[in-house]
N, C-alpha and C. Protein backbone atom coordinates (compact mmCIF):
# COMPACT_ATOMS: atom_id res chain seq x y z
N MET A 1 -15.63 -29.68 4.68
CA MET A 1 -15.93 -28.45 5.36
C MET A 1 -15.52 -27.27 4.47
N ASN A 2 -16.45 -26.37 4.19
CA ASN A 2 -16.20 -25.23 3.32
C ASN A 2 -15.77 -24.04 4.15
N ARG A 3 -14.57 -23.55 3.89
CA ARG A 3 -14.04 -22.40 4.63
C ARG A 3 -14.65 -21.11 4.09
N LYS A 4 -14.85 -20.18 4.97
CA LYS A 4 -15.40 -18.88 4.59
C LYS A 4 -14.34 -18.06 3.85
N ALA A 5 -14.76 -17.41 2.78
CA ALA A 5 -13.85 -16.56 2.01
C ALA A 5 -13.52 -15.29 2.80
N PRO A 6 -12.31 -14.75 2.61
CA PRO A 6 -11.95 -13.52 3.32
C PRO A 6 -12.87 -12.36 2.96
N ASN A 7 -13.13 -11.50 3.91
CA ASN A 7 -13.94 -10.32 3.70
C ASN A 7 -13.16 -9.34 2.81
N PRO A 8 -13.82 -8.70 1.82
CA PRO A 8 -13.11 -7.76 0.94
C PRO A 8 -12.44 -6.61 1.71
N ILE A 9 -13.01 -6.19 2.80
CA ILE A 9 -12.39 -5.12 3.59
C ILE A 9 -11.11 -5.62 4.24
N ASP A 10 -11.12 -6.86 4.74
CA ASP A 10 -9.90 -7.43 5.32
C ASP A 10 -8.81 -7.57 4.26
N ILE A 11 -9.20 -7.94 3.05
CA ILE A 11 -8.24 -8.05 1.95
C ILE A 11 -7.67 -6.68 1.63
N HIS A 12 -8.53 -5.67 1.59
CA HIS A 12 -8.08 -4.31 1.28
C HIS A 12 -7.13 -3.80 2.36
N VAL A 13 -7.49 -3.94 3.61
CA VAL A 13 -6.63 -3.48 4.71
C VAL A 13 -5.29 -4.20 4.64
N GLY A 14 -5.31 -5.50 4.39
CA GLY A 14 -4.08 -6.27 4.27
C GLY A 14 -3.21 -5.80 3.12
N SER A 15 -3.84 -5.47 1.99
CA SER A 15 -3.05 -5.00 0.84
C SER A 15 -2.43 -3.64 1.12
N ARG A 16 -3.12 -2.82 1.91
CA ARG A 16 -2.56 -1.51 2.28
C ARG A 16 -1.41 -1.67 3.27
N ILE A 17 -1.52 -2.67 4.15
CA ILE A 17 -0.40 -2.96 5.06
C ILE A 17 0.82 -3.35 4.23
N ARG A 18 0.62 -4.24 3.26
CA ARG A 18 1.71 -4.68 2.40
C ARG A 18 2.30 -3.51 1.63
N LEU A 19 1.43 -2.69 1.03
CA LEU A 19 1.89 -1.54 0.25
C LEU A 19 2.80 -0.66 1.09
N ARG A 20 2.36 -0.29 2.27
CA ARG A 20 3.15 0.61 3.11
C ARG A 20 4.43 -0.06 3.60
N ARG A 21 4.33 -1.33 3.97
CA ARG A 21 5.52 -2.07 4.45
C ARG A 21 6.59 -2.09 3.38
N VAL A 22 6.20 -2.37 2.14
CA VAL A 22 7.17 -2.44 1.05
C VAL A 22 7.72 -1.04 0.74
N LEU A 23 6.86 -0.03 0.78
CA LEU A 23 7.32 1.33 0.49
C LEU A 23 8.36 1.80 1.49
N VAL A 24 8.25 1.38 2.74
CA VAL A 24 9.26 1.79 3.73
C VAL A 24 10.43 0.81 3.77
N GLY A 25 10.39 -0.23 2.94
CA GLY A 25 11.51 -1.16 2.85
C GLY A 25 11.62 -2.12 4.02
N MET A 26 10.51 -2.50 4.59
CA MET A 26 10.51 -3.40 5.75
C MET A 26 10.06 -4.79 5.32
N SER A 27 10.74 -5.80 5.82
CA SER A 27 10.37 -7.19 5.52
C SER A 27 9.20 -7.63 6.41
N GLN A 28 8.54 -8.69 5.99
CA GLN A 28 7.49 -9.28 6.82
C GLN A 28 8.07 -9.75 8.15
N GLU A 29 9.29 -10.27 8.10
CA GLU A 29 9.94 -10.74 9.33
C GLU A 29 10.15 -9.60 10.32
N LYS A 30 10.62 -8.46 9.81
CA LYS A 30 10.89 -7.31 10.67
C LYS A 30 9.60 -6.76 11.27
N LEU A 31 8.56 -6.65 10.47
CA LEU A 31 7.27 -6.18 10.98
C LEU A 31 6.74 -7.15 12.03
N GLY A 32 6.81 -8.44 11.73
CA GLY A 32 6.36 -9.44 12.69
C GLY A 32 7.12 -9.37 13.99
N GLU A 33 8.43 -9.18 13.89
CA GLU A 33 9.28 -9.08 15.07
C GLU A 33 8.85 -7.90 15.95
N GLN A 34 8.60 -6.76 15.32
CA GLN A 34 8.18 -5.57 16.07
C GLN A 34 6.79 -5.72 16.68
N LEU A 35 5.97 -6.59 16.07
CA LEU A 35 4.63 -6.84 16.60
C LEU A 35 4.60 -8.01 17.58
N GLY A 36 5.69 -8.77 17.63
CA GLY A 36 5.73 -9.95 18.49
C GLY A 36 4.97 -11.13 17.92
N ILE A 37 4.93 -11.21 16.57
CA ILE A 37 4.25 -12.31 15.89
C ILE A 37 5.17 -12.86 14.80
N THR A 38 4.79 -13.97 14.19
CA THR A 38 5.60 -14.57 13.13
C THR A 38 5.35 -13.87 11.80
N PHE A 39 6.30 -14.04 10.87
CA PHE A 39 6.10 -13.46 9.55
C PHE A 39 4.94 -14.14 8.84
N GLN A 40 4.64 -15.39 9.20
CA GLN A 40 3.50 -16.08 8.60
C GLN A 40 2.19 -15.39 8.98
N GLN A 41 2.13 -14.89 10.21
CA GLN A 41 0.93 -14.16 10.64
C GLN A 41 0.81 -12.86 9.85
N VAL A 42 1.94 -12.19 9.62
CA VAL A 42 1.93 -10.96 8.81
C VAL A 42 1.43 -11.29 7.41
N GLN A 43 1.89 -12.41 6.84
CA GLN A 43 1.42 -12.83 5.51
C GLN A 43 -0.10 -13.01 5.50
N LYS A 44 -0.62 -13.64 6.54
CA LYS A 44 -2.07 -13.87 6.62
C LYS A 44 -2.83 -12.55 6.73
N TYR A 45 -2.28 -11.59 7.46
CA TYR A 45 -2.90 -10.27 7.53
C TYR A 45 -2.90 -9.62 6.15
N GLU A 46 -1.76 -9.68 5.47
CA GLU A 46 -1.63 -9.02 4.17
C GLU A 46 -2.52 -9.65 3.10
N LYS A 47 -2.80 -10.92 3.20
CA LYS A 47 -3.69 -11.59 2.25
C LYS A 47 -5.15 -11.43 2.63
N GLY A 48 -5.42 -10.96 3.85
CA GLY A 48 -6.79 -10.84 4.32
C GLY A 48 -7.34 -12.13 4.87
N THR A 49 -6.49 -13.16 4.95
CA THR A 49 -6.91 -14.45 5.48
C THR A 49 -7.27 -14.34 6.95
N ASN A 50 -6.46 -13.59 7.70
CA ASN A 50 -6.74 -13.31 9.11
C ASN A 50 -7.06 -11.84 9.27
N ARG A 51 -8.07 -11.56 10.06
CA ARG A 51 -8.49 -10.18 10.32
C ARG A 51 -7.55 -9.54 11.33
N VAL A 52 -7.19 -8.28 11.09
CA VAL A 52 -6.32 -7.53 11.99
C VAL A 52 -7.19 -6.85 13.04
N GLY A 53 -6.92 -7.11 14.30
CA GLY A 53 -7.65 -6.46 15.39
C GLY A 53 -7.31 -4.98 15.47
N SER A 54 -8.17 -4.22 16.10
CA SER A 54 -7.99 -2.77 16.14
C SER A 54 -6.71 -2.35 16.86
N SER A 55 -6.38 -2.97 17.98
CA SER A 55 -5.16 -2.58 18.69
C SER A 55 -3.91 -2.95 17.87
N ARG A 56 -3.96 -4.08 17.18
CA ARG A 56 -2.82 -4.47 16.35
C ARG A 56 -2.71 -3.55 15.14
N LEU A 57 -3.83 -3.16 14.54
CA LEU A 57 -3.79 -2.24 13.41
C LEU A 57 -3.23 -0.89 13.84
N TYR A 58 -3.58 -0.46 15.03
CA TYR A 58 -3.03 0.79 15.56
C TYR A 58 -1.52 0.69 15.70
N ARG A 59 -1.05 -0.44 16.23
CA ARG A 59 0.40 -0.64 16.39
C ARG A 59 1.10 -0.70 15.03
N ILE A 60 0.48 -1.36 14.06
CA ILE A 60 1.04 -1.42 12.71
C ILE A 60 1.16 -0.01 12.13
N SER A 61 0.14 0.81 12.36
CA SER A 61 0.18 2.19 11.85
C SER A 61 1.33 2.97 12.47
N GLN A 62 1.60 2.74 13.74
CA GLN A 62 2.73 3.40 14.41
C GLN A 62 4.06 2.94 13.81
N ILE A 63 4.20 1.64 13.64
CA ILE A 63 5.45 1.08 13.11
C ILE A 63 5.70 1.56 11.69
N LEU A 64 4.65 1.62 10.86
CA LEU A 64 4.80 1.99 9.46
C LEU A 64 4.68 3.50 9.23
N GLY A 65 4.39 4.25 10.28
CA GLY A 65 4.38 5.71 10.19
C GLY A 65 3.25 6.32 9.39
N VAL A 66 2.07 5.74 9.52
CA VAL A 66 0.89 6.28 8.86
C VAL A 66 -0.28 6.29 9.84
N PRO A 67 -1.29 7.13 9.60
CA PRO A 67 -2.48 7.06 10.45
C PRO A 67 -3.28 5.79 10.14
N VAL A 68 -4.06 5.35 11.08
CA VAL A 68 -4.88 4.14 10.87
C VAL A 68 -5.77 4.31 9.65
N SER A 69 -6.23 5.51 9.39
CA SER A 69 -7.12 5.76 8.24
C SER A 69 -6.46 5.39 6.91
N PHE A 70 -5.13 5.39 6.86
CA PHE A 70 -4.42 5.02 5.63
C PHE A 70 -4.87 3.64 5.14
N PHE A 71 -5.11 2.72 6.05
CA PHE A 71 -5.44 1.34 5.68
C PHE A 71 -6.85 1.22 5.11
N PHE A 72 -7.67 2.26 5.28
CA PHE A 72 -9.06 2.23 4.81
C PHE A 72 -9.29 3.13 3.60
N GLU A 73 -8.25 3.80 3.14
CA GLU A 73 -8.40 4.65 1.96
C GLU A 73 -8.77 3.81 0.75
N ASP A 74 -9.68 4.34 -0.06
CA ASP A 74 -10.11 3.69 -1.31
C ASP A 74 -10.72 2.31 -1.06
N ILE A 75 -11.41 2.18 0.05
CA ILE A 75 -11.98 0.89 0.45
C ILE A 75 -13.13 0.48 -0.47
N PRO A 76 -13.24 -0.80 -0.79
CA PRO A 76 -14.33 -1.24 -1.68
C PRO A 76 -15.69 -1.07 -1.01
N GLY A 77 -16.68 -0.73 -1.82
CA GLY A 77 -18.05 -0.62 -1.31
C GLY A 77 -18.34 0.71 -0.64
N GLN A 78 -17.45 1.67 -0.78
CA GLN A 78 -17.69 2.98 -0.18
C GLN A 78 -18.85 3.65 -0.89
N ILE A 79 -19.68 4.33 -0.15
CA ILE A 79 -20.87 4.99 -0.69
C ILE A 79 -20.44 6.13 -1.62
N ALA A 80 -21.01 6.17 -2.81
CA ALA A 80 -20.69 7.23 -3.77
C ALA A 80 -21.04 8.58 -3.18
N GLY A 81 -20.17 9.55 -3.41
CA GLY A 81 -20.40 10.89 -2.90
C GLY A 81 -19.94 11.07 -1.47
N ASP A 82 -19.44 10.00 -0.85
CA ASP A 82 -18.98 10.06 0.54
C ASP A 82 -17.46 9.90 0.57
N ASN A 83 -16.78 10.53 -0.37
CA ASN A 83 -15.35 10.34 -0.53
C ASN A 83 -14.49 11.41 0.12
N GLY A 84 -15.09 12.49 0.60
CA GLY A 84 -14.30 13.55 1.20
C GLY A 84 -13.27 14.04 0.21
N PHE A 85 -12.00 14.00 0.60
CA PHE A 85 -10.91 14.44 -0.26
C PHE A 85 -10.29 13.29 -1.05
N GLN A 86 -10.89 12.14 -1.01
CA GLN A 86 -10.36 10.96 -1.69
C GLN A 86 -10.35 11.17 -3.20
N GLU A 87 -9.41 10.51 -3.88
CA GLU A 87 -9.31 10.65 -5.33
C GLU A 87 -10.54 10.08 -6.01
N THR A 88 -10.79 10.54 -7.23
CA THR A 88 -11.94 10.08 -7.99
C THR A 88 -11.67 8.69 -8.56
N GLN A 89 -12.71 8.09 -9.09
CA GLN A 89 -12.61 6.76 -9.68
C GLN A 89 -11.55 6.73 -10.79
N SER A 90 -11.49 7.79 -11.59
CA SER A 90 -10.54 7.83 -12.71
C SER A 90 -9.09 7.95 -12.25
N GLU A 91 -8.87 8.39 -11.01
CA GLU A 91 -7.50 8.54 -10.50
C GLU A 91 -7.02 7.29 -9.75
N ARG A 92 -7.86 6.31 -9.59
CA ARG A 92 -7.49 5.12 -8.81
C ARG A 92 -6.43 4.28 -9.49
N TYR A 93 -6.24 4.48 -10.79
CA TYR A 93 -5.19 3.73 -11.50
C TYR A 93 -3.83 4.00 -10.87
N VAL A 94 -3.65 5.18 -10.27
CA VAL A 94 -2.38 5.51 -9.63
C VAL A 94 -2.14 4.57 -8.45
N VAL A 95 -3.16 4.35 -7.64
CA VAL A 95 -3.04 3.44 -6.50
C VAL A 95 -2.75 2.03 -7.00
N ASP A 96 -3.44 1.63 -8.07
CA ASP A 96 -3.20 0.29 -8.62
C ASP A 96 -1.77 0.15 -9.12
N PHE A 97 -1.25 1.18 -9.79
CA PHE A 97 0.12 1.12 -10.28
C PHE A 97 1.12 1.08 -9.13
N ILE A 98 0.96 1.95 -8.15
CA ILE A 98 1.89 2.00 -7.03
C ILE A 98 1.88 0.68 -6.26
N SER A 99 0.75 0.00 -6.26
CA SER A 99 0.65 -1.28 -5.56
C SER A 99 1.28 -2.43 -6.34
N SER A 100 1.54 -2.23 -7.62
CA SER A 100 2.13 -3.30 -8.43
C SER A 100 3.61 -3.45 -8.10
N ALA A 101 4.18 -4.58 -8.47
CA ALA A 101 5.61 -4.84 -8.22
C ALA A 101 6.48 -3.78 -8.91
N GLU A 102 6.15 -3.46 -10.17
CA GLU A 102 6.93 -2.46 -10.90
C GLU A 102 6.79 -1.08 -10.27
N GLY A 103 5.58 -0.74 -9.87
CA GLY A 103 5.35 0.55 -9.24
C GLY A 103 6.11 0.70 -7.94
N LEU A 104 6.12 -0.35 -7.14
CA LEU A 104 6.86 -0.31 -5.88
C LEU A 104 8.35 -0.18 -6.12
N GLN A 105 8.88 -0.93 -7.08
CA GLN A 105 10.31 -0.86 -7.39
C GLN A 105 10.68 0.54 -7.89
N LEU A 106 9.87 1.07 -8.79
CA LEU A 106 10.14 2.40 -9.33
C LEU A 106 10.07 3.46 -8.24
N ASN A 107 9.07 3.36 -7.41
CA ASN A 107 8.90 4.31 -6.31
C ASN A 107 10.08 4.28 -5.35
N LYS A 108 10.49 3.09 -4.95
CA LYS A 108 11.61 2.95 -4.02
C LYS A 108 12.90 3.50 -4.61
N ALA A 109 13.14 3.18 -5.89
CA ALA A 109 14.35 3.66 -6.54
C ALA A 109 14.33 5.18 -6.67
N PHE A 110 13.19 5.73 -7.03
CA PHE A 110 13.05 7.17 -7.18
C PHE A 110 13.29 7.89 -5.85
N LEU A 111 12.77 7.33 -4.78
CA LEU A 111 12.93 7.95 -3.46
C LEU A 111 14.38 7.95 -2.98
N ARG A 112 15.20 7.05 -3.52
CA ARG A 112 16.62 7.01 -3.14
C ARG A 112 17.44 8.10 -3.84
N ILE A 113 16.87 8.76 -4.84
CA ILE A 113 17.56 9.85 -5.52
C ILE A 113 17.43 11.10 -4.65
N SER A 114 18.54 11.56 -4.11
CA SER A 114 18.47 12.69 -3.18
C SER A 114 18.51 14.05 -3.88
N ASP A 115 19.08 14.12 -5.06
CA ASP A 115 19.22 15.38 -5.78
C ASP A 115 17.91 15.71 -6.50
N ALA A 116 17.29 16.83 -6.14
CA ALA A 116 16.02 17.24 -6.71
C ALA A 116 16.11 17.47 -8.22
N ARG A 117 17.25 17.97 -8.69
CA ARG A 117 17.43 18.19 -10.13
C ARG A 117 17.42 16.87 -10.89
N VAL A 118 18.07 15.86 -10.33
CA VAL A 118 18.10 14.55 -10.97
C VAL A 118 16.69 13.95 -10.99
N ARG A 119 15.96 14.07 -9.87
CA ARG A 119 14.58 13.56 -9.84
C ARG A 119 13.74 14.23 -10.92
N ARG A 120 13.89 15.54 -11.08
CA ARG A 120 13.13 16.29 -12.10
C ARG A 120 13.49 15.79 -13.50
N LYS A 121 14.77 15.52 -13.73
CA LYS A 121 15.20 15.01 -15.04
C LYS A 121 14.62 13.62 -15.31
N VAL A 122 14.53 12.79 -14.27
CA VAL A 122 13.93 11.46 -14.43
C VAL A 122 12.46 11.60 -14.83
N VAL A 123 11.75 12.50 -14.17
CA VAL A 123 10.34 12.74 -14.51
C VAL A 123 10.22 13.21 -15.96
N GLU A 124 11.08 14.16 -16.36
CA GLU A 124 11.05 14.66 -17.73
C GLU A 124 11.35 13.55 -18.74
N LEU A 125 12.30 12.68 -18.41
CA LEU A 125 12.65 11.55 -19.29
C LEU A 125 11.45 10.63 -19.47
N VAL A 126 10.81 10.27 -18.38
CA VAL A 126 9.65 9.35 -18.45
C VAL A 126 8.51 10.02 -19.21
N GLN A 127 8.29 11.30 -18.98
CA GLN A 127 7.24 12.00 -19.73
C GLN A 127 7.55 12.01 -21.22
N ALA A 128 8.79 12.28 -21.58
CA ALA A 128 9.18 12.28 -22.99
C ALA A 128 9.00 10.90 -23.61
N MET A 129 9.36 9.86 -22.88
CA MET A 129 9.21 8.50 -23.39
C MET A 129 7.73 8.16 -23.59
N SER A 130 6.90 8.55 -22.64
CA SER A 130 5.47 8.22 -22.76
C SER A 130 4.82 9.04 -23.86
N ASP A 131 5.25 10.29 -24.05
CA ASP A 131 4.72 11.12 -25.13
C ASP A 131 5.06 10.55 -26.49
N SER A 132 6.25 9.96 -26.62
CA SER A 132 6.67 9.41 -27.91
C SER A 132 5.89 8.14 -28.27
N LEU A 133 5.24 7.52 -27.28
CA LEU A 133 4.46 6.31 -27.53
C LEU A 133 3.04 6.63 -27.99
N ASN A 134 2.62 7.86 -27.80
CA ASN A 134 1.24 8.25 -28.14
C ASN A 134 1.13 8.83 -29.51
């Protein structure tokens, strides 16, 4: 029996759930607990294996503190020219980086720096390092 492959939109929505969950520092277990489901079910949502129903997606958006539209940003197959205020194709590398393990770690660590001057110095340091590589 050949199983149907996950829909690309379900995969995208799941990856956005994972991205936001990790950014707020929440485990799959904690999200599942708040939803009344197992962490395995959360894993299936995040992989796109199981489709997230509309009422559950609404609840996830409440728990993670984002609008439901967050999960559909930069969705595959979007009609060209129908992007509204969405970033351009050339700016999507930012989303790809933030979604990576390194990007998430860097983002979380940076957000823990409370002093604005220190954050600015970190940005200047990274810019100087990247400039020296070019």
